[in-house]
C-alpha atoms as a PDB file:
ATOM      1  CA  UNK A   1       0.000   0.000   0.000  1.00  0.00           C
ATOM      2  CA  UNK A   2       1.284   3.481  -0.803  1.00  0.00           C
ATOM      3  CA  UNK A   3       2.188   5.475   2.240  1.00  0.00           C
ATOM      4  CA  UNK A   4       0.557   8.499   0.663  1.00  0.00           C
ATOM      5  CA  UNK A   5      -2.912   7.061   0.057  1.00  0.00           C
ATOM      6  CA  UNK A   6      -4.428   5.187   2.993  1.00  0.00           C
ATOM      7  CA  UNK A   7      -6.819   2.342   2.238  1.00  0.00           C
ATOM      8  CA  UNK A   8      -9.937   3.173   4.213  1.00  0.00           C
ATOM      9  CA  UNK A   9     -12.178   0.494   5.654  1.00  0.00           C
ATOM     10  CA  UNK A  10     -15.891   1.426   5.543  1.00  0.00           C
ATOM     11  CA  UNK A  11     -17.201   2.569   8.925  1.00  0.00           C
ATOM     12  CA  UNK A  12     -20.632   2.261  10.454  1.00  0.00           C
ATOM     13  CA  UNK A  13     -22.560   5.405  11.227  1.00  0.00           C
ATOM     14  CA  UNK A  14     -22.686   4.610  14.952  1.00  0.00           C
ATOM     15  CA  UNK A  15     -21.916   7.673  17.023  1.00  0.00           C
ATOM     16  CA  UNK A  16     -22.355  10.083  14.124  1.00  0.00           C
ATOM     17  CA  UNK A  17     -24.299  13.302  14.603  1.00  0.00           C
ATOM     18  CA  UNK A  18     -27.482  13.227  12.485  1.00  0.00           C
ATOM     19  CA  UNK A  19     -27.859  16.061   9.992  1.00  0.00           C
ATOM     20  CA  UNK A  20     -29.391  19.082  11.678  1.00  0.00           C
ATOM     21  CA  UNK A  21     -29.095  17.646  15.177  1.00  0.00           C
ATOM     22  CA  UNK A  22     -27.803  19.880  17.965  1.00  0.00           C
ATOM     23  CA  UNK A  23     -24.466  18.873  19.435  1.00  0.00           C
ATOM     24  CA  UNK A  24     -24.565  18.304  23.197  1.00  0.00           C
ATOM     25  CA  UNK A  25     -21.361  16.932  24.716  1.00  0.00           C
ATOM     26  CA  UNK A  26     -21.500  18.564  28.176  1.00  0.00           C
ATOM     27  CA  UNK A  27     -22.383  16.280  31.112  1.00  0.00           C
ATOM     28  CA  UNK A  28     -23.045  18.297  34.280  1.00  0.00           C
ATOM     29  CA  UNK A  29     -21.977  16.751  37.601  1.00  0.00           C
ATOM     30  CA  UNK A  30     -23.035  17.667  41.164  1.00  0.00           C
ATOM     31  CA  UNK A  31     -19.771  17.082  43.026  1.00  0.00           C
ATOM     32  CA  UNK A  32     -18.226  19.845  45.144  1.00  0.00           C
ATOM     33  CA  UNK A  33     -15.314  17.909  46.661  1.00  0.00           C
ATOM     34  CA  UNK A  34     -12.017  16.912  45.027  1.00  0.00           C
ATOM     35  CA  UNK A  35     -12.265  13.426  46.532  1.00  0.00           C
ATOM     36  CA  UNK A  36     -15.998  12.688  46.345  1.00  0.00           C
ATOM     37  CA  UNK A  37     -17.644   9.444  47.346  1.00  0.00           C
ATOM     38  CA  UNK A  38     -19.259   8.133  44.148  1.00  0.00           C
ATOM     39  CA  UNK A  39     -21.351   4.986  43.785  1.00  0.00           C
ATOM     40  CA  UNK A  40     -19.937   2.267  41.536  1.00  0.00           C
ATOM     41  CA  UNK A  41     -22.867   2.477  39.118  1.00  0.00           C
ATOM     42  CA  UNK A  42     -22.401   6.232  38.750  1.00  0.00           C
ATOM     43  CA  UNK A  43     -18.652   5.819  38.233  1.00  0.00           C
ATOM     44  CA  UNK A  44     -19.329   3.348  35.412  1.00  0.00           C
ATOM     45  CA  UNK A  45     -21.644   5.863  33.724  1.00  0.00           C
ATOM     46  CA  UNK A  46     -19.100   8.677  34.058  1.00  0.00           C
ATOM     47  CA  UNK A  47     -16.353   6.478  32.648  1.00  0.00           C
ATOM     48  CA  UNK A  48     -18.478   5.462  29.677  1.00  0.00           C
ATOM     49  CA  UNK A  49     -19.434   9.077  28.890  1.00  0.00           C
ATOM     50  CA  UNK A  50     -15.856  10.307  29.225  1.00  0.00           C
ATOM     51  CA  UNK A  51     -14.466   7.527  27.019  1.00  0.00           C
ATOM     52  CA  UNK A  52     -17.114   8.206  24.389  1.00  0.00           C
ATOM     53  CA  UNK A  53     -15.884  11.792  24.096  1.00  0.00           C
ATOM     54  CA  UNK A  54     -18.073  13.842  26.433  1.00  0.00           C
ATOM     55  CA  UNK A  55     -17.037  16.699  28.732  1.00  0.00           C
ATOM     56  CA  UNK A  56     -17.578  16.019  32.433  1.00  0.00           C
ATOM     57  CA  UNK A  57     -18.488  19.421  33.848  1.00  0.00           C
ATOM     58  CA  UNK A  58     -18.438  20.312  37.554  1.00  0.00           C
ATOM     59  CA  UNK A  59     -19.955  23.808  37.951  1.00  0.00           C
ATOM     60  CA  UNK A  60     -19.440  23.898  41.713  1.00  0.00           C
ATOM     61  CA  UNK A  61     -16.100  22.154  42.115  1.00  0.00           C
ATOM     62  CA  UNK A  62     -14.028  25.130  43.234  1.00  0.00           C
ATOM     63  CA  UNK A  63     -10.283  25.354  43.771  1.00  0.00           C
ATOM     64  CA  UNK A  64      -9.855  28.053  46.420  1.00  0.00           C
ATOM     65  CA  UNK A  65      -6.893  30.363  46.708  1.00  0.00           C
ATOM     66  CA  UNK A  66      -4.879  30.519  49.870  1.00  0.00           C
ATOM     67  CA  UNK A  67      -3.964  33.909  51.267  1.00  0.00           C
ATOM     68  CA  UNK A  68      -2.040  36.019  48.768  1.00  0.00           C
ATOM     69  CA  UNK A  69      -2.278  33.586  45.837  1.00  0.00           C
ATOM     70  CA  UNK A  70      -4.686  35.809  43.926  1.00  0.00           C
ATOM     71  CA  UNK A  71      -1.689  37.869  42.828  1.00  0.00           C
ATOM     72  CA  UNK A  72      -0.674  35.100  40.437  1.00  0.00           C
ATOM     73  CA  UNK A  73      -3.662  35.817  38.185  1.00  0.00           C
ATOM     74  CA  UNK A  74      -1.586  38.604  36.663  1.00  0.00           C
ATOM     75  CA  UNK A  75       0.300  37.653  33.495  1.00  0.00           C
ATOM     76  CA  UNK A  76       3.368  39.572  34.745  1.00  0.00           C
ATOM     77  CA  UNK A  77       4.434  36.376  36.546  1.00  0.00           C
ATOM     78  CA  UNK A  78       5.014  34.686  33.191  1.00  0.00           C
ATOM     79  CA  UNK A  79       8.541  34.919  31.837  1.00  0.00           C
ATOM     80  CA  UNK A  80       7.107  35.697  28.378  1.00  0.00           C
ATOM     81  CA  UNK A  81       8.812  32.749  26.728  1.00  0.00           C
ATOM     82  CA  UNK A  82       5.946  30.254  27.089  1.00  0.00           C
ATOM     83  CA  UNK A  83       2.180  30.533  27.210  1.00  0.00           C
ATOM     84  CA  UNK A  84       1.914  29.062  30.706  1.00  0.00           C
ATOM     85  CA  UNK A  85       3.644  28.631  34.031  1.00  0.00           C
ATOM     86  CA  UNK A  86       4.118  24.908  34.475  1.00  0.00           C
ATOM     87  CA  UNK A  87       5.332  22.224  36.800  1.00  0.00           C
ATOM     88  CA  UNK A  88       6.564  18.827  35.707  1.00  0.00           C
ATOM     89  CA  UNK A  89       5.608  15.920  37.909  1.00  0.00           C
ATOM     90  CA  UNK A  90       9.014  15.374  39.527  1.00  0.00           C
ATOM     91  CA  UNK A  91      10.256  18.967  39.553  1.00  0.00           C
ATOM     92  CA  UNK A  92      10.707  21.029  42.694  1.00  0.00           C
ATOM     93  CA  UNK A  93      10.353  24.384  40.945  1.00  0.00           C
ATOM     94  CA  UNK A  94       8.033  25.889  38.336  1.00  0.00           C
ATOM     95  CA  UNK A  95       9.062  26.687  34.784  1.00  0.00           C
ATOM     96  CA  UNK A  96       8.098  29.691  32.686  1.00  0.00           C
ATOM     97  CA  UNK A  97       7.768  32.066  35.642  1.00  0.00           C
ATOM     98  CA  UNK A  98       9.597  35.080  36.966  1.00  0.00           C
ATOM     99  CA  UNK A  99       9.660  36.555  40.477  1.00  0.00           C
ATOM    100  CA  UNK A 100      11.437  36.516  43.802  1.00  0.00           C
ATOM    101  CA  UNK A 101      12.456  33.292  45.496  1.00  0.00           C
ATOM    102  CA  UNK A 102       9.379  33.506  47.739  1.00  0.00           C
ATOM    103  CA  UNK A 103       7.079  34.235  44.798  1.00  0.00           C
ATOM    104  CA  UNK A 104       8.358  31.211  42.893  1.00  0.00           C
ATOM    105  CA  UNK A 105       7.992  29.035  46.005  1.00  0.00           C
ATOM    106  CA  UNK A 106       4.397  30.221  46.433  1.00  0.00           C
ATOM    107  CA  UNK A 107       3.688  29.553  42.763  1.00  0.00           C
ATOM    108  CA  UNK A 108       5.080  26.061  43.178  1.00  0.00           C
ATOM    109  CA  UNK A 109       2.824  25.443  46.188  1.00  0.00           C
ATOM    110  CA  UNK A 110      -0.260  26.665  44.301  1.00  0.00           C
ATOM    111  CA  UNK A 111       0.358  24.559  41.202  1.00  0.00           C
ATOM    112  CA  UNK A 112       1.421  21.506  43.207  1.00  0.00           C
ATOM    113  CA  UNK A 113      -1.781  21.712  45.249  1.00  0.00           C
ATOM    114  CA  UNK A 114      -3.823  21.766  42.051  1.00  0.00           C
ATOM    115  CA  UNK A 115      -1.936  18.720  40.750  1.00  0.00           C
ATOM    116  CA  UNK A 116      -2.712  16.781  43.922  1.00  0.00           C
ATOM    117  CA  UNK A 117      -6.368  17.868  43.900  1.00  0.00           C
ATOM    118  CA  UNK A 118      -6.802  16.831  40.257  1.00  0.00           C
ATOM    119  CA  UNK A 119      -5.193  13.462  40.876  1.00  0.00           C
ATOM    120  CA  UNK A 120      -7.475  12.893  43.878  1.00  0.00           C
ATOM    121  CA  UNK A 121     -10.502  13.652  41.713  1.00  0.00           C
ATOM    122  CA  UNK A 122      -9.487  11.139  39.040  1.00  0.00           C
ATOM    123  CA  UNK A 123      -8.749   8.506  41.695  1.00  0.00           C
ATOM    124  CA  UNK A 124     -12.216   8.978  43.186  1.00  0.00           C
ATOM    125  CA  UNK A 125     -14.124   8.969  39.903  1.00  0.00           C
ATOM    126  CA  UNK A 126     -12.086   6.358  38.024  1.00  0.00           C
ATOM    127  CA  UNK A 127     -10.291   4.005  40.437  1.00  0.00           C
ATOM    128  CA  UNK A 128      -9.744   1.567  37.555  1.00  0.00           C
ATOM    129  CA  UNK A 129      -7.389   4.135  36.012  1.00  0.00           C
ATOM    130  CA  UNK A 130      -5.054   4.310  39.016  1.00  0.00           C
ATOM    131  CA  UNK A 131      -2.612   1.520  38.008  1.00  0.00           C
ATOM    132  CA  UNK A 132      -2.410   2.914  34.467  1.00  0.00           C
ATOM    133  CA  UNK A 133      -2.021   6.660  35.021  1.00  0.00           C
ATOM    134  CA  UNK A 134       1.026   8.899  35.218  1.00  0.00           C
ATOM    135  CA  UNK A 135       0.894  12.490  36.382  1.00  0.00           C
ATOM    136  CA  UNK A 136       2.348  14.720  33.671  1.00  0.00           C
ATOM    137  CA  UNK A 137       2.524  18.515  33.522  1.00  0.00           C
ATOM    138  CA  UNK A 138       0.473  20.937  35.612  1.00  0.00           C
ATOM    139  CA  UNK A 139       0.038  24.524  34.488  1.00  0.00           C
ATOM    140  CA  UNK A 140      -1.280  27.932  35.412  1.00  0.00           C
ATOM    141  CA  UNK A 141      -2.261  29.947  32.348  1.00  0.00           C
ATOM    142  CA  UNK A 142      -2.645  33.594  33.428  1.00  0.00           C
ATOM    143  CA  UNK A 143      -2.913  35.244  29.997  1.00  0.00           C
ATOM    144  CA  UNK A 144      -5.987  36.140  27.966  1.00  0.00           C
ATOM    145  CA  UNK A 145      -6.566  33.735  25.063  1.00  0.00           C
ATOM    146  CA  UNK A 146      -8.349  36.094  22.696  1.00  0.00           C
ATOM    147  CA  UNK A 147      -6.077  38.227  20.546  1.00  0.00           C
ATOM    148  CA  UNK A 148      -2.863  36.402  21.382  1.00  0.00           C
ATOM    149  CA  UNK A 149      -0.514  36.561  18.345  1.00  0.00           C
ATOM    150  CA  UNK A 150       0.372  32.976  17.417  1.00  0.00           C
ATOM    151  CA  UNK A 151       0.861  30.900  14.264  1.00  0.00           C
ATOM    152  CA  UNK A 152      -2.106  28.975  12.922  1.00  0.00           C
ATOM    153  CA  UNK A 153      -0.661  25.691  14.239  1.00  0.00           C
ATOM    154  CA  UNK A 154      -0.493  27.094  17.762  1.00  0.00           C
ATOM    155  CA  UNK A 155      -3.817  28.909  17.537  1.00  0.00           C
ATOM    156  CA  UNK A 156      -5.948  27.119  20.114  1.00  0.00           C
ATOM    157  CA  UNK A 157      -9.006  29.176  19.170  1.00  0.00           C
ATOM    158  CA  UNK A 158      -9.283  26.769  16.216  1.00  0.00           C
ATOM    159  CA  UNK A 159     -10.950  23.406  16.783  1.00  0.00           C
ATOM    160  CA  UNK A 160      -8.370  20.638  17.186  1.00  0.00           C
ATOM    161  CA  UNK A 161      -7.426  17.446  18.995  1.00  0.00           C
ATOM    162  CA  UNK A 162      -4.235  17.515  21.041  1.00  0.00           C
ATOM    163  CA  UNK A 163      -1.085  15.959  19.606  1.00  0.00           C
ATOM    164  CA  UNK A 164       2.567  16.776  20.271  1.00  0.00           C
ATOM    165  CA  UNK A 165       5.146  17.188  17.466  1.00  0.00           C
ATOM    166  CA  UNK A 166       8.177  16.363  19.612  1.00  0.00           C
ATOM    167  CA  UNK A 167       6.628  14.107  22.244  1.00  0.00           C
ATOM    168  CA  UNK A 168       5.102  10.954  20.687  1.00  0.00           C
ATOM    169  CA  UNK A 169       2.553   9.406  23.039  1.00  0.00           C
ATOM    170  CA  UNK A 170       2.728   5.882  21.541  1.00  0.00           C
ATOM    171  CA  UNK A 171      -0.922   5.301  22.327  1.00  0.00           C
ATOM    172  CA  UNK A 172      -1.045   6.854  25.796  1.00  0.00           C
ATOM    173  CA  UNK A 173      -4.197   8.903  26.243  1.00  0.00           C
ATOM    174  CA  UNK A 174      -4.296  12.581  27.242  1.00  0.00           C
ATOM    175  CA  UNK A 175      -6.668  12.957  30.180  1.00  0.00           C
ATOM    176  CA  UNK A 176      -6.965  16.569  31.316  1.00  0.00           C
ATOM    177  CA  UNK A 177      -8.520  18.315  34.288  1.00  0.00           C
ATOM    178  CA  UNK A 178      -9.233  22.022  33.659  1.00  0.00           C
ATOM    179  CA  UNK A 179     -10.304  24.679  36.146  1.00  0.00           C
ATOM    180  CA  UNK A 180     -11.349  28.273  35.528  1.00  0.00           C
ATOM    181  CA  UNK A 181      -9.519  30.030  38.337  1.00  0.00           C
ATOM    182  CA  UNK A 182     -10.433  33.517  37.136  1.00  0.00           C
ATOM    183  CA  UNK A 183     -12.802  35.183  39.639  1.00  0.00           C
ATOM    184  CA  UNK A 184     -14.844  37.073  37.051  1.00  0.00           C
ATOM    185  CA  UNK A 185     -14.456  35.892  33.458  1.00  0.00           C
ATOM    186  CA  UNK A 186     -15.877  32.669  31.959  1.00  0.00           C
ATOM    187  CA  UNK A 187     -13.685  30.303  29.955  1.00  0.00           C
ATOM    188  CA  UNK A 188     -15.368  30.053  26.560  1.00  0.00           C
ATOM    189  CA  UNK A 189     -14.873  26.859  24.572  1.00  0.00           C
ATOM    190  CA  UNK A 190     -16.166  25.442  21.345  1.00  0.00           C
ATOM    191  CA  UNK A 191     -16.470  21.666  21.124  1.00  0.00           C
ATOM    192  CA  UNK A 192     -16.957  19.852  17.835  1.00  0.00           C
ATOM    193  CA  UNK A 193     -18.281  16.650  16.351  1.00  0.00           C
ATOM    194  CA  UNK A 194     -17.342  13.164  17.689  1.00  0.00           C
ATOM    195  CA  UNK A 195     -13.846  11.941  16.849  1.00  0.00           C
ATOM    196  CA  UNK A 196     -15.154   9.242  14.487  1.00  0.00           C
ATOM    197  CA  UNK A 197     -16.913  11.849  12.334  1.00  0.00           C
ATOM    198  CA  UNK A 198     -13.890  14.134  12.463  1.00  0.00           C
ATOM    199  CA  UNK A 199     -11.609  11.271  11.369  1.00  0.00           C
ATOM    200  CA  UNK A 200     -13.807  10.428   8.377  1.00  0.00           C
ATOM    201  CA  UNK A 201     -13.301  13.959   7.127  1.00  0.00           C
ATOM    202  CA  UNK A 202      -9.519  14.178   7.496  1.00  0.00           C
ATOM    203  CA  UNK A 203      -7.931  10.694   7.655  1.00  0.00           C
ATOM    204  CA  UNK A 204      -8.114  10.306   3.843  1.00  0.00           C
ATOM    205  CA  UNK A 205      -5.878  13.390   3.614  1.00  0.00           C
ATOM    206  CA  UNK A 206      -3.179  11.952   5.902  1.00  0.00           C
ATOM    207  CA  UNK A 207      -0.193   9.826   4.896  1.00  0.00           C
ATOM    208  CA  UNK A 208       2.153   7.365   6.559  1.00  0.00           C
ATOM    209  CA  UNK A 209       5.830   7.850   7.337  1.00  0.00           C
ATOM    210  CA  UNK A 210       8.641   7.213   4.903  1.00  0.00           C
ATOM    211  CA  UNK A 211      10.868   4.208   5.703  1.00  0.00           C
ATOM    212  CA  UNK A 212      13.357   5.259   8.367  1.00  0.00           C
ATOM    213  CA  UNK A 213      11.628   8.591   9.049  1.00  0.00           C
ATOM    214  CA  UNK A 214      10.776   7.841  12.684  1.00  0.00           C
ATOM    215  CA  UNK A 215      14.332   6.652  13.407  1.00  0.00           C
ATOM    216  CA  UNK A 216      15.867   9.716  11.760  1.00  0.00           C
ATOM    217  CA  UNK A 217      13.613  12.153  13.630  1.00  0.00           C
ATOM    218  CA  UNK A 218      14.701  10.607  16.915  1.00  0.00           C
ATOM    219  CA  UNK A 219      18.389  10.700  15.961  1.00  0.00           C
ATOM    220  CA  UNK A 220      18.080  14.382  15.041  1.00  0.00           C
ATOM    221  CA  UNK A 221      16.252  15.068  18.344  1.00  0.00           C
ATOM    222  CA  UNK A 222      13.185  16.289  16.504  1.00  0.00           C
ATOM    223  CA  UNK A 223      11.248  13.818  18.645  1.00  0.00           C
ATOM    224  CA  UNK A 224      12.015  12.613  22.172  1.00  0.00           C
ATOM    225  CA  UNK A 225      11.373   8.983  21.201  1.00  0.00           C
ATOM    226  CA  UNK A 226      10.559   7.054  18.039  1.00  0.00           C
ATOM    227  CA  UNK A 227       7.295   8.308  16.580  1.00  0.00           C
ATOM    228  CA  UNK A 228       4.584   5.733  15.904  1.00  0.00           C
ATOM    229  CA  UNK A 229       2.249   5.837  12.933  1.00  0.00           C
ATOM    230  CA  UNK A 230      -0.503   6.658  15.421  1.00  0.00           C
ATOM    231  CA  UNK A 231       1.330   9.815  16.515  1.00  0.00           C
ATOM    232  CA  UNK A 232       2.148  10.672  12.894  1.00  0.00           C
ATOM    233  CA  UNK A 233      -1.503  10.495  11.846  1.00  0.00           C
ATOM    234  CA  UNK A 234      -2.769  12.302  14.953  1.00  0.00           C
ATOM    235  CA  UNK A 235      -0.404  15.197  14.390  1.00  0.00           C
ATOM    236  CA  UNK A 236      -1.648  15.520  10.819  1.00  0.00           C
ATOM    237  CA  UNK A 237      -5.261  15.496  12.039  1.00  0.00           C
ATOM    238  CA  UNK A 238      -4.389  18.310  14.433  1.00  0.00           C
ATOM    239  CA  UNK A 239      -2.845  20.383  11.637  1.00  0.00           C
ATOM    240  CA  UNK A 240      -5.443  19.600   8.972  1.00  0.00           C
ATOM    241  CA  UNK A 241      -8.309  20.673  11.220  1.00  0.00           C
ATOM    242  CA  UNK A 242      -6.651  23.940  12.197  1.00  0.00           C
ATOM    243  CA  UNK A 243      -5.744  24.751   8.595  1.00  0.00           C
ATOM    244  CA  UNK A 244      -9.255  24.174   7.211  1.00  0.00           C
ATOM    245  CA  UNK A 245     -11.186  27.379   7.896  1.00  0.00           C
ATOM    246  CA  UNK A 246     -14.321  26.131   6.115  1.00  0.00           C
ATOM    247  CA  UNK A 247     -14.376  23.093   8.378  1.00  0.00           C
ATOM    248  CA  UNK A 248     -13.914  25.342  11.418  1.00  0.00           C
ATOM    249  CA  UNK A 249     -17.061  27.261  10.447  1.00  0.00           C
ATOM    250  CA  UNK A 250     -19.333  24.462   9.257  1.00  0.00           C
ATOM    251  CA  UNK A 251     -18.568  21.441  11.474  1.00  0.00           C
ATOM    252  CA  UNK A 252     -21.295  20.589  14.044  1.00  0.00           C
ATOM    253  CA  UNK A 253     -20.214  22.348  17.218  1.00  0.00           C
ATOM    254  CA  UNK A 254     -21.413  23.990  20.388  1.00  0.00           C
ATOM    255  CA  UNK A 255     -20.118  26.885  22.437  1.00  0.00           C
ATOM    256  CA  UNK A 256     -19.991  26.554  26.200  1.00  0.00           C
ATOM    257  CA  UNK A 257     -19.030  29.016  28.917  1.00  0.00           C
ATOM    258  CA  UNK A 258     -17.276  27.507  31.905  1.00  0.00           C
ATOM    259  CA  UNK A 259     -17.969  30.000  34.688  1.00  0.00           C
ATOM    260  CA  UNK A 260     -15.459  31.143  37.307  1.00  0.00           C
ATOM    261  CA  UNK A 261     -14.742  28.408  39.828  1.00  0.00           C
ATOM    262  CA  UNK A 262     -15.835  25.532  37.585  1.00  0.00           C
ATOM    263  CA  UNK A 263     -13.931  22.366  36.647  1.00  0.00           C
ATOM    264  CA  UNK A 264     -14.122  20.030  33.656  1.00  0.00           C
ATOM    265  CA  UNK A 265     -12.500  16.772  32.550  1.00  0.00           C
ATOM    266  CA  UNK A 266     -11.889  15.619  28.966  1.00  0.00           C
ATOM    267  CA  UNK A 267      -9.769  13.337  26.828  1.00  0.00           C
ATOM    268  CA  UNK A 268      -8.186  16.177  24.869  1.00  0.00           C
ATOM    269  CA  UNK A 269      -6.755  13.821  22.232  1.00  0.00           C
ATOM    270  CA  UNK A 270     -10.332  12.761  21.435  1.00  0.00           C
ATOM    271  CA  UNK A 271     -12.517  15.804  22.003  1.00  0.00           C
ATOM    272  CA  UNK A 272     -12.457  18.357  19.203  1.00  0.00           C
ATOM    273  CA  UNK A 273     -12.092  21.599  21.154  1.00  0.00           C
ATOM    274  CA  UNK A 274     -11.097  25.252  20.898  1.00  0.00           C
ATOM    275  CA  UNK A 275     -10.496  27.796  23.667  1.00  0.00           C
ATOM    276  CA  UNK A 276     -11.980  31.087  22.490  1.00  0.00           C
ATOM    277  CA  UNK A 277     -11.873  33.496  25.427  1.00  0.00           C
ATOM    278  CA  UNK A 278     -10.828  33.521  29.040  1.00  0.00           C
ATOM    279  CA  UNK A 279      -7.973  34.662  31.178  1.00  0.00           C
ATOM    280  CA  UNK A 280      -6.756  32.554  34.117  1.00  0.00           C
ATOM    281  CA  UNK A 281      -6.998  28.760  33.976  1.00  0.00           C
ATOM    282  CA  UNK A 282      -5.318  25.790  35.629  1.00  0.00           C
ATOM    283  CA  UNK A 283      -4.761  22.465  33.881  1.00  0.00           C
ATOM    284  CA  UNK A 284      -3.534  19.026  34.842  1.00  0.00           C
ATOM    285  CA  UNK A 285      -2.450  16.469  32.232  1.00  0.00           C
ATOM    286  CA  UNK A 286      -2.488  12.763  33.016  1.00  0.00           C
ATOM    287  CA  UNK A 287      -1.011  10.153  30.690  1.00  0.00           C
ATOM    288  CA  UNK A 288      -3.191   7.058  30.644  1.00  0.00           C
ATOM    289  CA  UNK A 289      -2.121   3.687  29.285  1.00  0.00           C
ATOM    290  CA  UNK A 290      -4.511   2.535  26.531  1.00  0.00           C
ATOM    291  CA  UNK A 291      -5.348  -0.718  28.363  1.00  0.00           C
ATOM    292  CA  UNK A 292      -7.119   1.390  30.992  1.00  0.00           C
ATOM    293  CA  UNK A 293      -9.887   2.241  28.509  1.00  0.00           C
ATOM    294  CA  UNK A 294     -12.918   0.012  29.011  1.00  0.00           C
ATOM    295  CA  UNK A 295     -14.610   0.731  25.662  1.00  0.00           C
ATOM    296  CA  UNK A 296     -12.134   1.030  22.779  1.00  0.00           C
ATOM    297  CA  UNK A 297     -14.835   1.700  20.192  1.00  0.00           C
ATOM    298  CA  UNK A 298     -14.444   5.466  20.352  1.00  0.00           C
ATOM    299  CA  UNK A 299     -10.755   5.922  21.175  1.00  0.00           C
ATOM    300  CA  UNK A 300      -8.618   7.668  18.528  1.00  0.00           C
ATOM    301  CA  UNK A 301      -6.333   4.644  18.164  1.00  0.00           C
ATOM    302  CA  UNK A 302      -9.302   2.310  17.637  1.00  0.00           C
ATOM    303  CA  UNK A 303     -10.934   4.644  15.109  1.00  0.00           C
ATOM    304  CA  UNK A 304      -7.721   4.996  13.093  1.00  0.00           C
ATOM    305  CA  UNK A 305      -7.057   1.249  13.243  1.00  0.00           C
ATOM    306  CA  UNK A 306     -10.515   0.517  11.838  1.00  0.00           C
ATOM    307  CA  UNK A 307     -10.291   3.160   9.142  1.00  0.00           C
ATOM    308  CA  UNK A 308      -6.823   2.229   7.949  1.00  0.00           C
ATOM    309  CA  UNK A 309      -7.319  -1.517   8.331  1.00  0.00           C
ATOM    310  CA  UNK A 310      -4.209  -2.187  10.445  1.00  0.00           C
ATOM    311  CA  UNK A 311      -2.980  -1.579  14.003  1.00  0.00           C
ATOM    312  CA  UNK A 312      -1.594   1.874  14.645  1.00  0.00           C
ATOM    313  CA  UNK A 313       0.729   0.687  17.407  1.00  0.00           C
ATOM    314  CA  UNK A 314       3.409  -1.979  17.382  1.00  0.00           C
ATOM    315  CA  UNK A 315       2.465  -5.136  19.260  1.00  0.00           C
END
């Protein structure tokens, strides 16, 4: 088979959005605690909805400031070199920030506390994920989204699924916990059609890697590890969606305003999303091994495997 023209396997229409139907991917939850007690039956429902591509939305799950932390809502704490102030899982200091030694220590404490709260929430809602999850980066994003000068590839106001050019995930899922920490301004998102529908539109425009390409990219330090075909296709889907302005306008989508103090959970490699407006947000990324997923029907790897007629990941 040519690496430039994928052979597509016909897909069923299951999960597609009927013509003219309103898109509704937001699932509102009542929990107000970061370690809630949740019945097993409810946990199973939440897991199914999340894995099918919905947004779990917690309007009253607040992350309170401690005394003096409100000052970090100002973008002056960013060093200007990156779009967020972040903390890697094993680091003892934040990256992308500027300030005195005490300021940086206080920033670390704030972001670390959010990381621990987010992890507690996932443990409580999805205990089956615990053996398969790895805490990745945690960030505070204190800058306004709207009007930020960026290239089209980095323009997160365009609908996209998350994929990393230099950090191949090799099938690991991107589970993210977001929180609107701004006291006054909503975080405005657009969310788009289910991943299966999205893939039908763009997978035929993707291509495989040339022989030796993944090895060479690793040797040249373009990627941190050898890129899989899954990562190669996902990155193209990210770029193709952002580049197609007609698709951005016409795809089934809904706008949602996450009010101050609200929290939401998504698989950001599956949910077509765009952040349109909003100022201060916190975010926790969790890497999840693919075997943790209970229903593989809707996962990006499963969709691509079906469409292309071969496994996307090496056995």
